[in-house]
Amino acid sequence: MISLPPHIRVHVALGYTDLRKGIDGLSVLVQETLRADPFSGHVFVFRGRRAGLIKLLYHDGNGMCLYAKRLDQGIFTWPVTQASPGEPATVLLTPARLSMLLEGLDWRAQAPARRILMAG
């Protein structure tokens, strides 16, 4: 499991990506398509066409890291939002929701805990 500080921004690329790309190819994709800095320390998440494989690109301050995860069964839950013209094609997640995504859980369906208004 990947441990990330809570202030890290996680960018999930909309649609699917050719996951034959490595660090260099995905870094160029972040710069040109997502219009972001791959060396910012943020995490960029990409999904393959079959939705059973994802790759995470992350610069940890010392170098670029590329993580891949393939599910044995099922597919990763992915946003179906379409990018607006002129806007980056990403959705932001919290590190907690990224953990759910990596476990193969539906991170969109989680409701916040019920708030208790009165004691007793």
PDB file of N, CA and C in Angstrom:
ATOM      1  N   MET A   1       0.835  -1.181   0.000  1.00  0.00           N
ATOM      2  CA  MET A   1       0.000   0.000   0.000  1.00  0.00           C
ATOM      3  C   MET A   1       0.875   1.238   0.000  1.00  0.00           C
ATOM      4  N   ILE A   2       0.449   2.256  -0.680  1.00  0.00           N
ATOM      5  CA  ILE A   2       1.175   3.502  -0.784  1.00  0.00           C
ATOM      6  C   ILE A   2       0.692   4.443   0.315  1.00  0.00           C
ATOM      7  N   SER A   3       1.624   5.000   1.065  1.00  0.00           N
ATOM      8  CA  SER A   3       1.272   5.936   2.132  1.00  0.00           C
ATOM      9  C   SER A   3       1.551   7.358   1.642  1.00  0.00           C
ATOM     10  N   LEU A   4       0.504   8.185   1.609  1.00  0.00           N
ATOM     11  CA  LEU A   4       0.635   9.562   1.140  1.00  0.00           C
ATOM     12  C   LEU A   4       0.216  10.531   2.230  1.00  0.00           C
ATOM     13  N   PRO A   5       0.889  11.672   2.320  1.00  0.00           N
ATOM     14  CA  PRO A   5       0.438  12.696   3.268  1.00  0.00           C
ATOM     15  C   PRO A   5      -0.942  13.205   2.870  1.00  0.00           C
ATOM     16  N   PRO A   6      -1.741  13.685   3.831  1.00  0.00           N
ATOM     17  CA  PRO A   6      -3.109  14.114   3.524  1.00  0.00           C
ATOM     18  C   PRO A   6      -3.200  15.342   2.626  1.00  0.00           C
ATOM     19  N   HIS A   7      -2.118  16.133   2.515  1.00  0.00           N
ATOM     20  CA  HIS A   7      -2.174  17.349   1.692  1.00  0.00           C
ATOM     21  C   HIS A   7      -1.876  17.092   0.213  1.00  0.00           C
ATOM     22  N   ILE A   8      -1.507  15.876  -0.138  1.00  0.00           N
ATOM     23  CA  ILE A   8      -1.185  15.544  -1.532  1.00  0.00           C
ATOM     24  C   ILE A   8      -2.460  15.567  -2.368  1.00  0.00           C
ATOM     25  N   ARG A   9      -2.377  16.166  -3.535  1.00  0.00           N
ATOM     26  CA  ARG A   9      -3.519  16.175  -4.462  1.00  0.00           C
ATOM     27  C   ARG A   9      -3.394  14.978  -5.399  1.00  0.00           C
ATOM     28  N   VAL A  10      -4.513  14.316  -5.621  1.00  0.00           N
ATOM     29  CA  VAL A  10      -4.559  13.138  -6.484  1.00  0.00           C
ATOM     30  C   VAL A  10      -5.418  13.492  -7.694  1.00  0.00           C
ATOM     31  N   HIS A  11      -4.817  13.448  -8.878  1.00  0.00           N
ATOM     32  CA  HIS A  11      -5.503  13.768 -10.125  1.00  0.00           C
ATOM     33  C   HIS A  11      -5.803  12.467 -10.862  1.00  0.00           C
ATOM     34  N   VAL A  12      -7.071  12.178 -11.080  1.00  0.00           N
ATOM     35  CA  VAL A  12      -7.491  10.994 -11.830  1.00  0.00           C
ATOM     36  C   VAL A  12      -7.805  11.438 -13.250  1.00  0.00           C
ATOM     37  N   ALA A  13      -7.059  10.924 -14.215  1.00  0.00           N
ATOM     38  CA  ALA A  13      -7.269  11.283 -15.615  1.00  0.00           C
ATOM     39  C   ALA A  13      -8.561  10.652 -16.117  1.00  0.00           C
ATOM     40  N   LEU A  14      -9.391  11.442 -16.748  1.00  0.00           N
ATOM     41  CA  LEU A  14     -10.661  10.941 -17.283  1.00  0.00           C
ATOM     42  C   LEU A  14     -10.403  10.098 -18.526  1.00  0.00           C
ATOM     43  N   GLY A  15     -11.294   9.163 -18.776  1.00  0.00           N
ATOM     44  CA  GLY A  15     -11.155   8.298 -19.952  1.00  0.00           C
ATOM     45  C   GLY A  15     -10.109   7.224 -19.709  1.00  0.00           C
ATOM     46  N   TYR A  16      -9.597   6.668 -20.787  1.00  0.00           N
ATOM     47  CA  TYR A  16      -8.571   5.642 -20.657  1.00  0.00           C
ATOM     48  C   TYR A  16      -7.293   6.104 -21.348  1.00  0.00           C
ATOM     49  N   THR A  17      -6.201   5.478 -20.948  1.00  0.00           N
ATOM     50  CA  THR A  17      -4.875   5.840 -21.426  1.00  0.00           C
ATOM     51  C   THR A  17      -4.188   4.592 -21.946  1.00  0.00           C
ATOM     52  N   ASP A  18      -3.334   4.764 -22.939  1.00  0.00           N
ATOM     53  CA  ASP A  18      -2.508   3.674 -23.429  1.00  0.00           C
ATOM     54  C   ASP A  18      -1.446   3.397 -22.369  1.00  0.00           C
ATOM     55  N   LEU A  19      -1.612   2.324 -21.617  1.00  0.00           N
ATOM     56  CA  LEU A  19      -0.723   2.043 -20.503  1.00  0.00           C
ATOM     57  C   LEU A  19       0.563   1.344 -20.920  1.00  0.00           C
ATOM     58  N   ARG A  20       0.828   1.277 -22.211  1.00  0.00           N
ATOM     59  CA  ARG A  20       2.154   0.834 -22.649  1.00  0.00           C
ATOM     60  C   ARG A  20       3.177   1.925 -22.380  1.00  0.00           C
ATOM     61  N   LYS A  21       2.690   3.149 -22.102  1.00  0.00           N
ATOM     62  CA  LYS A  21       3.579   4.270 -21.801  1.00  0.00           C
ATOM     63  C   LYS A  21       4.232   4.063 -20.443  1.00  0.00           C
ATOM     64  N   GLY A  22       5.458   4.526 -20.352  1.00  0.00           N
ATOM     65  CA  GLY A  22       6.197   4.461 -19.100  1.00  0.00           C
ATOM     66  C   GLY A  22       6.254   5.827 -18.441  1.00  0.00           C
ATOM     67  N   ILE A  23       7.289   6.038 -17.649  1.00  0.00           N
ATOM     68  CA  ILE A  23       7.430   7.290 -16.914  1.00  0.00           C
ATOM     69  C   ILE A  23       7.480   8.489 -17.851  1.00  0.00           C
ATOM     70  N   ASP A  24       8.306   8.413 -18.877  1.00  0.00           N
ATOM     71  CA  ASP A  24       8.461   9.555 -19.779  1.00  0.00           C
ATOM     72  C   ASP A  24       7.183   9.855 -20.546  1.00  0.00           C
ATOM     73  N   GLY A  25       6.547   8.831 -21.085  1.00  0.00           N
ATOM     74  CA  GLY A  25       5.320   9.029 -21.857  1.00  0.00           C
ATOM     75  C   GLY A  25       4.178   9.574 -21.013  1.00  0.00           C
ATOM     76  N   LEU A  26       4.031   9.068 -19.795  1.00  0.00           N
ATOM     77  CA  LEU A  26       2.972   9.562 -18.915  1.00  0.00           C
ATOM     78  C   LEU A  26       3.282  10.978 -18.417  1.00  0.00           C
ATOM     79  N   SER A  27       4.561  11.300 -18.217  1.00  0.00           N
ATOM     80  CA  SER A  27       4.937  12.662 -17.822  1.00  0.00           C
ATOM     81  C   SER A  27       4.582  13.668 -18.906  1.00  0.00           C
ATOM     82  N   VAL A  28       4.837  13.303 -20.150  1.00  0.00           N
ATOM     83  CA  VAL A  28       4.461  14.173 -21.271  1.00  0.00           C
ATOM     84  C   VAL A  28       2.945  14.320 -21.335  1.00  0.00           C
ATOM     85  N   LEU A  29       2.217  13.248 -21.103  1.00  0.00           N
ATOM     86  CA  LEU A  29       0.754  13.294 -21.088  1.00  0.00           C
ATOM     87  C   LEU A  29       0.246  14.237 -19.998  1.00  0.00           C
ATOM     88  N   VAL A  30       0.864  14.200 -18.830  1.00  0.00           N
ATOM     89  CA  VAL A  30       0.484  15.107 -17.738  1.00  0.00           C
ATOM     90  C   VAL A  30       0.706  16.555 -18.161  1.00  0.00           C
ATOM     91  N   GLN A  31       1.842  16.832 -18.781  1.00  0.00           N
ATOM     92  CA  GLN A  31       2.159  18.205 -19.194  1.00  0.00           C
ATOM     93  C   GLN A  31       1.262  18.697 -20.318  1.00  0.00           C
ATOM     94  N   GLU A  32       1.096  17.890 -21.359  1.00  0.00           N
ATOM     95  CA  GLU A  32       0.407  18.364 -22.559  1.00  0.00           C
ATOM     96  C   GLU A  32      -1.115  18.220 -22.490  1.00  0.00           C
ATOM     97  N   THR A  33      -1.601  17.113 -21.985  1.00  0.00           N
ATOM     98  CA  THR A  33      -3.047  16.880 -21.976  1.00  0.00           C
ATOM     99  C   THR A  33      -3.703  17.392 -20.699  1.00  0.00           C
ATOM    100  N   LEU A  34      -3.108  17.086 -19.562  1.00  0.00           N
ATOM    101  CA  LEU A  34      -3.701  17.485 -18.287  1.00  0.00           C
ATOM    102  C   LEU A  34      -3.265  18.888 -17.873  1.00  0.00           C
ATOM    103  N   ARG A  35      -2.284  19.430 -18.551  1.00  0.00           N
ATOM    104  CA  ARG A  35      -1.742  20.768 -18.282  1.00  0.00           C
ATOM    105  C   ARG A  35      -1.351  20.940 -16.817  1.00  0.00           C
ATOM    106  N   ALA A  36      -0.554  19.997 -16.336  1.00  0.00           N
ATOM    107  CA  ALA A  36      -0.082  20.029 -14.961  1.00  0.00           C
ATOM    108  C   ALA A  36       1.411  19.736 -14.949  1.00  0.00           C
ATOM    109  N   ASP A  37       2.035  19.978 -13.819  1.00  0.00           N
ATOM    110  CA  ASP A  37       3.462  19.746 -13.652  1.00  0.00           C
ATOM    111  C   ASP A  37       3.675  18.366 -13.039  1.00  0.00           C
ATOM    112  N   PRO A  38       4.273  17.423 -13.783  1.00  0.00           N
ATOM    113  CA  PRO A  38       4.470  16.087 -13.217  1.00  0.00           C
ATOM    114  C   PRO A  38       5.470  16.065 -12.061  1.00  0.00           C
ATOM    115  N   PHE A  39       6.255  17.127 -11.881  1.00  0.00           N
ATOM    116  CA  PHE A  39       7.242  17.205 -10.811  1.00  0.00           C
ATOM    117  C   PHE A  39       6.720  17.958  -9.590  1.00  0.00           C
ATOM    118  N   SER A  40       5.408  18.196  -9.535  1.00  0.00           N
ATOM    119  CA  SER A  40       4.786  18.976  -8.465  1.00  0.00           C
ATOM    120  C   SER A  40       4.654  18.210  -7.154  1.00  0.00           C
ATOM    121  N   GLY A  41       4.808  16.903  -7.182  1.00  0.00           N
ATOM    122  CA  GLY A  41       4.589  16.087  -5.993  1.00  0.00           C
ATOM    123  C   GLY A  41       3.181  15.550  -5.903  1.00  0.00           C
ATOM    124  N   HIS A  42       2.326  15.927  -6.851  1.00  0.00           N
ATOM    125  CA  HIS A  42       0.972  15.396  -6.889  1.00  0.00           C
ATOM    126  C   HIS A  42       0.982  14.020  -7.526  1.00  0.00           C
ATOM    127  N   VAL A  43      -0.064  13.254  -7.279  1.00  0.00           N
ATOM    128  CA  VAL A  43      -0.192  11.912  -7.840  1.00  0.00           C
ATOM    129  C   VAL A  43      -1.128  11.986  -9.047  1.00  0.00           C
ATOM    130  N   PHE A  44      -0.737  11.353 -10.141  1.00  0.00           N
ATOM    131  CA  PHE A  44      -1.551  11.295 -11.354  1.00  0.00           C
ATOM    132  C   PHE A  44      -1.893   9.834 -11.616  1.00  0.00           C
ATOM    133  N   VAL A  45      -3.193   9.558 -11.768  1.00  0.00           N
ATOM    134  CA  VAL A  45      -3.679   8.183 -11.899  1.00  0.00           C
ATOM    135  C   VAL A  45      -4.264   8.000 -13.289  1.00  0.00           C
ATOM    136  N   PHE A  46      -3.874   6.900 -13.953  1.00  0.00           N
ATOM    137  CA  PHE A  46      -4.325   6.598 -15.309  1.00  0.00           C
ATOM    138  C   PHE A  46      -4.903   5.191 -15.340  1.00  0.00           C
ATOM    139  N   ARG A  47      -5.923   4.997 -16.154  1.00  0.00           N
ATOM    140  CA  ARG A  47      -6.582   3.694 -16.287  1.00  0.00           C
ATOM    141  C   ARG A  47      -6.416   3.180 -17.705  1.00  0.00           C
ATOM    142  N   GLY A  48      -6.253   1.877 -17.837  1.00  0.00           N
ATOM    143  CA  GLY A  48      -6.190   1.249 -19.142  1.00  0.00           C
ATOM    144  C   GLY A  48      -7.576   1.046 -19.726  1.00  0.00           C
ATOM    145  N   ARG A  49      -7.623   0.631 -20.974  1.00  0.00           N
ATOM    146  CA  ARG A  49      -8.895   0.452 -21.677  1.00  0.00           C
ATOM    147  C   ARG A  49      -9.786  -0.583 -21.005  1.00  0.00           C
ATOM    148  N   ARG A  50      -9.212  -1.659 -20.514  1.00  0.00           N
ATOM    149  CA  ARG A  50     -10.011  -2.738 -19.913  1.00  0.00           C
ATOM    150  C   ARG A  50     -10.403  -2.452 -18.464  1.00  0.00           C
ATOM    151  N   ALA A  51      -9.897  -1.409 -17.867  1.00  0.00           N
ATOM    152  CA  ALA A  51     -10.251  -0.941 -16.525  1.00  0.00           C
ATOM    153  C   ALA A  51      -9.801  -1.872 -15.405  1.00  0.00           C
ATOM    154  N   GLY A  52      -8.989  -2.847 -15.697  1.00  0.00           N
ATOM    155  CA  GLY A  52      -8.474  -3.723 -14.659  1.00  0.00           C
ATOM    156  C   GLY A  52      -7.051  -3.381 -14.271  1.00  0.00           C
ATOM    157  N   LEU A  53      -6.467  -2.368 -14.929  1.00  0.00           N
ATOM    158  CA  LEU A  53      -5.092  -1.958 -14.675  1.00  0.00           C
ATOM    159  C   LEU A  53      -5.039  -0.445 -14.551  1.00  0.00           C
ATOM    160  N   ILE A  54      -4.343   0.038 -13.516  1.00  0.00           N
ATOM    161  CA  ILE A  54      -4.109   1.468 -13.383  1.00  0.00           C
ATOM    162  C   ILE A  54      -2.623   1.701 -13.120  1.00  0.00           C
ATOM    163  N   LYS A  55      -2.171   2.904 -13.459  1.00  0.00           N
ATOM    164  CA  LYS A  55      -0.806   3.333 -13.166  1.00  0.00           C
ATOM    165  C   LYS A  55      -0.864   4.681 -12.466  1.00  0.00           C
ATOM    166  N   LEU A  56       0.032   4.842 -11.485  1.00  0.00           N
ATOM    167  CA  LEU A  56       0.147   6.083 -10.729  1.00  0.00           C
ATOM    168  C   LEU A  56       1.522   6.669 -10.983  1.00  0.00           C
ATOM    169  N   LEU A  57       1.556   7.940 -11.308  1.00  0.00           N
ATOM    170  CA  LEU A  57       2.805   8.662 -11.542  1.00  0.00           C
ATOM    171  C   LEU A  57       2.961   9.675 -10.415  1.00  0.00           C
ATOM    172  N   TYR A  58       4.150   9.701  -9.789  1.00  0.00           N
ATOM    173  CA  TYR A  58       4.349  10.517  -8.602  1.00  0.00           C
ATOM    174  C   TYR A  58       5.815  10.900  -8.502  1.00  0.00           C
ATOM    175  N   HIS A  59       6.096  12.176  -8.254  1.00  0.00           N
ATOM    176  CA  HIS A  59       7.468  12.619  -8.017  1.00  0.00           C
ATOM    177  C   HIS A  59       7.641  12.805  -6.514  1.00  0.00           C
ATOM    178  N   ASP A  60       8.547  12.033  -5.914  1.00  0.00           N
ATOM    179  CA  ASP A  60       8.693  12.049  -4.455  1.00  0.00           C
ATOM    180  C   ASP A  60       9.754  13.026  -3.947  1.00  0.00           C
ATOM    181  N   GLY A  61      10.284  13.851  -4.823  1.00  0.00           N
ATOM    182  CA  GLY A  61      11.321  14.803  -4.438  1.00  0.00           C
ATOM    183  C   GLY A  61      12.703  14.331  -4.830  1.00  0.00           C
ATOM    184  N   ASN A  62      12.880  13.027  -4.984  1.00  0.00           N
ATOM    185  CA  ASN A  62      14.165  12.462  -5.402  1.00  0.00           C
ATOM    186  C   ASN A  62      14.131  11.959  -6.833  1.00  0.00           C
ATOM    187  N   GLY A  63      12.964  11.609  -7.298  1.00  0.00           N
ATOM    188  CA  GLY A  63      12.821  11.066  -8.641  1.00  0.00           C
ATOM    189  C   GLY A  63      11.378  10.698  -8.922  1.00  0.00           C
ATOM    190  N   MET A  64      11.138  10.340 -10.159  1.00  0.00           N
ATOM    191  CA  MET A  64       9.794   9.988 -10.598  1.00  0.00           C
ATOM    192  C   MET A  64       9.518   8.526 -10.261  1.00  0.00           C
ATOM    193  N   CYS A  65       8.321   8.261  -9.715  1.00  0.00           N
ATOM    194  CA  CYS A  65       7.904   6.900  -9.362  1.00  0.00           C
ATOM    195  C   CYS A  65       6.726   6.507 -10.245  1.00  0.00           C
ATOM    196  N   LEU A  66       6.703   5.267 -10.655  1.00  0.00           N
ATOM    197  CA  LEU A  66       5.591   4.736 -11.438  1.00  0.00           C
ATOM    198  C   LEU A  66       5.119   3.454 -10.763  1.00  0.00           C
ATOM    199  N   TYR A  67       3.872   3.479 -10.312  1.00  0.00           N
ATOM    200  CA  TYR A  67       3.266   2.313  -9.673  1.00  0.00           C
ATOM    201  C   TYR A  67       2.180   1.771 -10.587  1.00  0.00           C
ATOM    202  N   ALA A  68       2.068   0.454 -10.619  1.00  0.00           N
ATOM    203  CA  ALA A  68       1.011  -0.184 -11.403  1.00  0.00           C
ATOM    204  C   ALA A  68       0.275  -1.166 -10.513  1.00  0.00           C
ATOM    205  N   LYS A  69      -1.037  -1.282 -10.738  1.00  0.00           N
ATOM    206  CA  LYS A  69      -1.833  -2.277 -10.024  1.00  0.00           C
ATOM    207  C   LYS A  69      -2.825  -2.886 -10.987  1.00  0.00           C
ATOM    208  N   ARG A  70      -2.872  -4.208 -10.970  1.00  0.00           N
ATOM    209  CA  ARG A  70      -3.829  -4.955 -11.776  1.00  0.00           C
ATOM    210  C   ARG A  70      -4.700  -5.770 -10.831  1.00  0.00           C
ATOM    211  N   LEU A  71      -6.014  -5.652 -10.998  1.00  0.00           N
ATOM    212  CA  LEU A  71      -6.939  -6.429 -10.180  1.00  0.00           C
ATOM    213  C   LEU A  71      -7.026  -7.855 -10.713  1.00  0.00           C
ATOM    214  N   ASP A  72      -7.113  -8.809  -9.801  1.00  0.00           N
ATOM    215  CA  ASP A  72      -7.298 -10.207 -10.200  1.00  0.00           C
ATOM    216  C   ASP A  72      -8.680 -10.412 -10.794  1.00  0.00           C
ATOM    217  N   GLN A  73      -9.676  -9.736 -10.205  1.00  0.00           N
ATOM    218  CA  GLN A  73     -11.058  -9.837 -10.686  1.00  0.00           C
ATOM    219  C   GLN A  73     -11.679  -8.457 -10.632  1.00  0.00           C
ATOM    220  N   GLY A  74     -12.610  -8.201 -11.527  1.00  0.00           N
ATOM    221  CA  GLY A  74     -13.332  -6.942 -11.515  1.00  0.00           C
ATOM    222  C   GLY A  74     -12.582  -5.811 -12.198  1.00  0.00           C
ATOM    223  N   ILE A  75     -13.135  -4.617 -12.055  1.00  0.00           N
ATOM    224  CA  ILE A  75     -12.550  -3.436 -12.675  1.00  0.00           C
ATOM    225  C   ILE A  75     -12.483  -2.303 -11.655  1.00  0.00           C
ATOM    226  N   PHE A  76     -11.651  -1.325 -11.940  1.00  0.00           N
ATOM    227  CA  PHE A  76     -11.555  -0.148 -11.088  1.00  0.00           C
ATOM    228  C   PHE A  76     -12.724   0.782 -11.389  1.00  0.00           C
ATOM    229  N   THR A  77     -13.300   1.354 -10.320  1.00  0.00           N
ATOM    230  CA  THR A  77     -14.362   2.341 -10.481  1.00  0.00           C
ATOM    231  C   THR A  77     -13.727   3.628 -10.979  1.00  0.00           C
ATOM    232  N   TRP A  78     -14.280   4.161 -12.066  1.00  0.00           N
ATOM    233  CA  TRP A  78     -13.681   5.329 -12.703  1.00  0.00           C
ATOM    234  C   TRP A  78     -14.724   6.406 -12.917  1.00  0.00           C
ATOM    235  N   PRO A  79     -14.350   7.686 -12.811  1.00  0.00           N
ATOM    236  CA  PRO A  79     -15.321   8.759 -13.046  1.00  0.00           C
ATOM    237  C   PRO A  79     -15.807   8.757 -14.489  1.00  0.00           C
ATOM    238  N   VAL A  80     -17.074   9.062 -14.679  1.00  0.00           N
ATOM    239  CA  VAL A  80     -17.636   9.111 -16.030  1.00  0.00           C
ATOM    240  C   VAL A  80     -17.840  10.546 -16.499  1.00  0.00           C
ATOM    241  N   THR A  81     -17.336  11.493 -15.734  1.00  0.00           N
ATOM    242  CA  THR A  81     -17.459  12.908 -16.067  1.00  0.00           C
ATOM    243  C   THR A  81     -16.683  13.218 -17.333  1.00  0.00           C
ATOM    244  N   GLN A  82     -17.273  14.027 -18.184  1.00  0.00           N
ATOM    245  CA  GLN A  82     -16.586  14.492 -19.388  1.00  0.00           C
ATOM    246  C   GLN A  82     -15.905  15.818 -19.091  1.00  0.00           C
ATOM    247  N   ALA A  83     -14.722  16.004 -19.633  1.00  0.00           N
ATOM    248  CA  ALA A  83     -14.003  17.261 -19.423  1.00  0.00           C
ATOM    249  C   ALA A  83     -14.658  18.374 -20.223  1.00  0.00           C
ATOM    250  N   SER A  84     -14.745  19.544 -19.603  1.00  0.00           N
ATOM    251  CA  SER A  84     -15.259  20.720 -20.301  1.00  0.00           C
ATOM    252  C   SER A  84     -14.178  21.236 -21.243  1.00  0.00           C
ATOM    253  N   PRO A  85     -14.573  21.810 -22.382  1.00  0.00           N
ATOM    254  CA  PRO A  85     -13.567  22.368 -23.285  1.00  0.00           C
ATOM    255  C   PRO A  85     -12.747  23.439 -22.572  1.00  0.00           C
ATOM    256  N   GLY A  86     -11.442  23.368 -22.716  1.00  0.00           N
ATOM    257  CA  GLY A  86     -10.569  24.335 -22.086  1.00  0.00           C
ATOM    258  C   GLY A  86     -10.186  23.999 -20.652  1.00  0.00           C
ATOM    259  N   GLU A  87     -10.737  22.914 -20.090  1.00  0.00           N
ATOM    260  CA  GLU A  87     -10.431  22.504 -18.724  1.00  0.00           C
ATOM    261  C   GLU A  87      -9.585  21.231 -18.741  1.00  0.00           C
ATOM    262  N   PRO A  88      -8.726  21.053 -17.727  1.00  0.00           N
ATOM    263  CA  PRO A  88      -7.959  19.808 -17.634  1.00  0.00           C
ATOM    264  C   PRO A  88      -8.891  18.609 -17.458  1.00  0.00           C
ATOM    265  N   ALA A  89      -8.543  17.491 -18.036  1.00  0.00           N
ATOM    266  CA  ALA A  89      -9.389  16.302 -18.003  1.00  0.00           C
ATOM    267  C   ALA A  89      -9.061  15.434 -16.796  1.00  0.00           C
ATOM    268  N   THR A  90      -9.245  16.004 -15.585  1.00  0.00           N
ATOM    269  CA  THR A  90      -8.978  15.255 -14.360  1.00  0.00           C
ATOM    270  C   THR A  90     -10.079  15.484 -13.337  1.00  0.00           C
ATOM    271  N   VAL A  91     -10.142  14.555 -12.393  1.00  0.00           N
ATOM    272  CA  VAL A  91     -11.000  14.674 -11.216  1.00  0.00           C
ATOM    273  C   VAL A  91     -10.068  14.571 -10.021  1.00  0.00           C
ATOM    274  N   LEU A  92     -10.266  15.416  -9.020  1.00  0.00           N
ATOM    275  CA  LEU A  92      -9.428  15.371  -7.828  1.00  0.00           C
ATOM    276  C   LEU A  92     -10.007  14.416  -6.795  1.00  0.00           C
ATOM    277  N   LEU A  93      -9.130  13.612  -6.191  1.00  0.00           N
ATOM    278  CA  LEU A  93      -9.502  12.703  -5.111  1.00  0.00           C
ATOM    279  C   LEU A  93      -8.664  13.020  -3.881  1.00  0.00           C
ATOM    280  N   THR A  94      -9.165  12.644  -2.734  1.00  0.00           N
ATOM    281  CA  THR A  94      -8.368  12.716  -1.514  1.00  0.00           C
ATOM    282  C   THR A  94      -7.498  11.455  -1.442  1.00  0.00           C
ATOM    283  N   PRO A  95      -6.420  11.490  -0.663  1.00  0.00           N
ATOM    284  CA  PRO A  95      -5.629  10.263  -0.498  1.00  0.00           C
ATOM    285  C   PRO A  95      -6.450   9.092   0.049  1.00  0.00           C
ATOM    286  N   ALA A  96      -7.452   9.370   0.881  1.00  0.00           N
ATOM    287  CA  ALA A  96      -8.302   8.297   1.410  1.00  0.00           C
ATOM    288  C   ALA A  96      -9.106   7.637   0.294  1.00  0.00           C
ATOM    289  N   ARG A  97      -9.647   8.440  -0.607  1.00  0.00           N
ATOM    290  CA  ARG A  97     -10.403   7.869  -1.726  1.00  0.00           C
ATOM    291  C   ARG A  97      -9.489   7.146  -2.707  1.00  0.00           C
ATOM    292  N   LEU A  98      -8.244   7.611  -2.840  1.00  0.00           N
ATOM    293  CA  LEU A  98      -7.277   6.876  -3.659  1.00  0.00           C
ATOM    294  C   LEU A  98      -7.040   5.492  -3.078  1.00  0.00           C
ATOM    295  N   SER A  99      -6.948   5.400  -1.760  1.00  0.00           N
ATOM    296  CA  SER A  99      -6.776   4.086  -1.107  1.00  0.00           C
ATOM    297  C   SER A  99      -7.935   3.164  -1.440  1.00  0.00           C
ATOM    298  N   MET A 100      -9.145   3.707  -1.424  1.00  0.00           N
ATOM    299  CA  MET A 100     -10.317   2.895  -1.776  1.00  0.00           C
ATOM    300  C   MET A 100     -10.251   2.457  -3.234  1.00  0.00           C
ATOM    301  N   LEU A 101      -9.854   3.376  -4.109  1.00  0.00           N
ATOM    302  CA  LEU A 101      -9.722   3.047  -5.536  1.00  0.00           C
ATOM    303  C   LEU A 101      -8.718   1.925  -5.731  1.00  0.00           C
ATOM    304  N   LEU A 102      -7.573   2.006  -5.047  1.00  0.00           N
ATOM    305  CA  LEU A 102      -6.536   0.980  -5.187  1.00  0.00           C
ATOM    306  C   LEU A 102      -6.977  -0.375  -4.653  1.00  0.00           C
ATOM    307  N   GLU A 103      -7.907  -0.379  -3.714  1.00  0.00           N
ATOM    308  CA  GLU A 103      -8.426  -1.642  -3.184  1.00  0.00           C
ATOM    309  C   GLU A 103      -9.534  -2.222  -4.058  1.00  0.00           C
ATOM    310  N   GLY A 104      -9.911  -1.508  -5.112  1.00  0.00           N
ATOM    311  CA  GLY A 104     -10.971  -1.985  -5.983  1.00  0.00           C
ATOM    312  C   GLY A 104     -12.361  -1.666  -5.479  1.00  0.00           C
ATOM    313  N   LEU A 105     -12.470  -0.772  -4.486  1.00  0.00           N
ATOM    314  CA  LEU A 105     -13.767  -0.401  -3.927  1.00  0.00           C
ATOM    315  C   LEU A 105     -14.382   0.755  -4.712  1.00  0.00           C
ATOM    316  N   ASP A 106     -15.692   0.886  -4.605  1.00  0.00           N
ATOM    317  CA  ASP A 106     -16.379   2.006  -5.246  1.00  0.00           C
ATOM    318  C   ASP A 106     -16.232   3.222  -4.348  1.00  0.00           C
ATOM    319  N   TRP A 107     -15.275   4.059  -4.628  1.00  0.00           N
ATOM    320  CA  TRP A 107     -14.973   5.229  -3.808  1.00  0.00           C
ATOM    321  C   TRP A 107     -16.037   6.307  -3.912  1.00  0.00           C
ATOM    322  N   ARG A 108     -16.907   6.243  -4.922  1.00  0.00           N
ATOM    323  CA  ARG A 108     -17.940   7.270  -5.098  1.00  0.00           C
ATOM    324  C   ARG A 108     -19.129   7.055  -4.169  1.00  0.00           C
ATOM    325  N   ALA A 109     -19.374   5.830  -3.713  1.00  0.00           N
ATOM    326  CA  ALA A 109     -20.586   5.502  -2.966  1.00  0.00           C
ATOM    327  C   ALA A 109     -20.457   5.742  -1.472  1.00  0.00           C
ATOM    328  N   GLN A 110     -19.294   6.100  -1.001  1.00  0.00           N
ATOM    329  CA  GLN A 110     -19.099   6.251   0.434  1.00  0.00           C
ATOM    330  C   GLN A 110     -19.734   7.542   0.928  1.00  0.00           C
ATOM    331  N   ALA A 111     -20.632   7.405   1.887  1.00  0.00           N
ATOM    332  CA  ALA A 111     -21.295   8.562   2.498  1.00  0.00           C
ATOM    333  C   ALA A 111     -20.548   8.928   3.777  1.00  0.00           C
ATOM    334  N   PRO A 112     -20.533  10.197   4.139  1.00  0.00           N
ATOM    335  CA  PRO A 112     -19.897  10.569   5.390  1.00  0.00           C
ATOM    336  C   PRO A 112     -20.610   9.947   6.583  1.00  0.00           C
ATOM    337  N   ALA A 113     -19.880   9.780   7.667  1.00  0.00           N
ATOM    338  CA  ALA A 113     -20.473   9.200   8.879  1.00  0.00           C
ATOM    339  C   ALA A 113     -21.614  10.082   9.370  1.00  0.00           C
ATOM    340  N   ARG A 114     -22.622   9.432   9.948  1.00  0.00           N
ATOM    341  CA  ARG A 114     -23.773  10.165  10.479  1.00  0.00           C
ATOM    342  C   ARG A 114     -23.343  11.043  11.637  1.00  0.00           C
ATOM    343  N   ARG A 115     -23.759  12.272  11.621  1.00  0.00           N
ATOM    344  CA  ARG A 115     -23.388  13.210  12.672  1.00  0.00           C
ATOM    345  C   ARG A 115     -24.446  13.167  13.782  1.00  0.00           C
ATOM    346  N   ILE A 116     -23.988  12.991  15.010  1.00  0.00           N
ATOM    347  CA  ILE A 116     -24.888  12.965  16.158  1.00  0.00           C
ATOM    348  C   ILE A 116     -25.117  14.401  16.612  1.00  0.00           C
ATOM    349  N   LEU A 117     -26.372  14.794  16.711  1.00  0.00           N
ATOM    350  CA  LEU A 117     -26.711  16.165  17.049  1.00  0.00           C
ATOM    351  C   LEU A 117     -26.981  16.350  18.528  1.00  0.00           C
ATOM    352  N   MET A 118     -27.394  15.270  19.233  1.00  0.00           N
ATOM    353  CA  MET A 118     -27.712  15.355  20.664  1.00  0.00           C
ATOM    354  C   MET A 118     -27.084  14.203  21.405  1.00  0.00           C
ATOM    355  N   ALA A 119     -26.644  14.474  22.594  1.00  0.00           N
ATOM    356  CA  ALA A 119     -26.146  13.401  23.448  1.00  0.00           C
ATOM    357  C   ALA A 119     -27.313  12.787  24.214  1.00  0.00           C
ATOM    358  N   GLY A 120     -27.251  11.486  24.422  1.00  0.00           N
ATOM    359  CA  GLY A 120     -28.255  10.836  25.260  1.00  0.00           C
ATOM    360  C   GLY A 120     -29.429  10.347  24.592  1.00  0.00           C
TER     361      GLY A 120
END
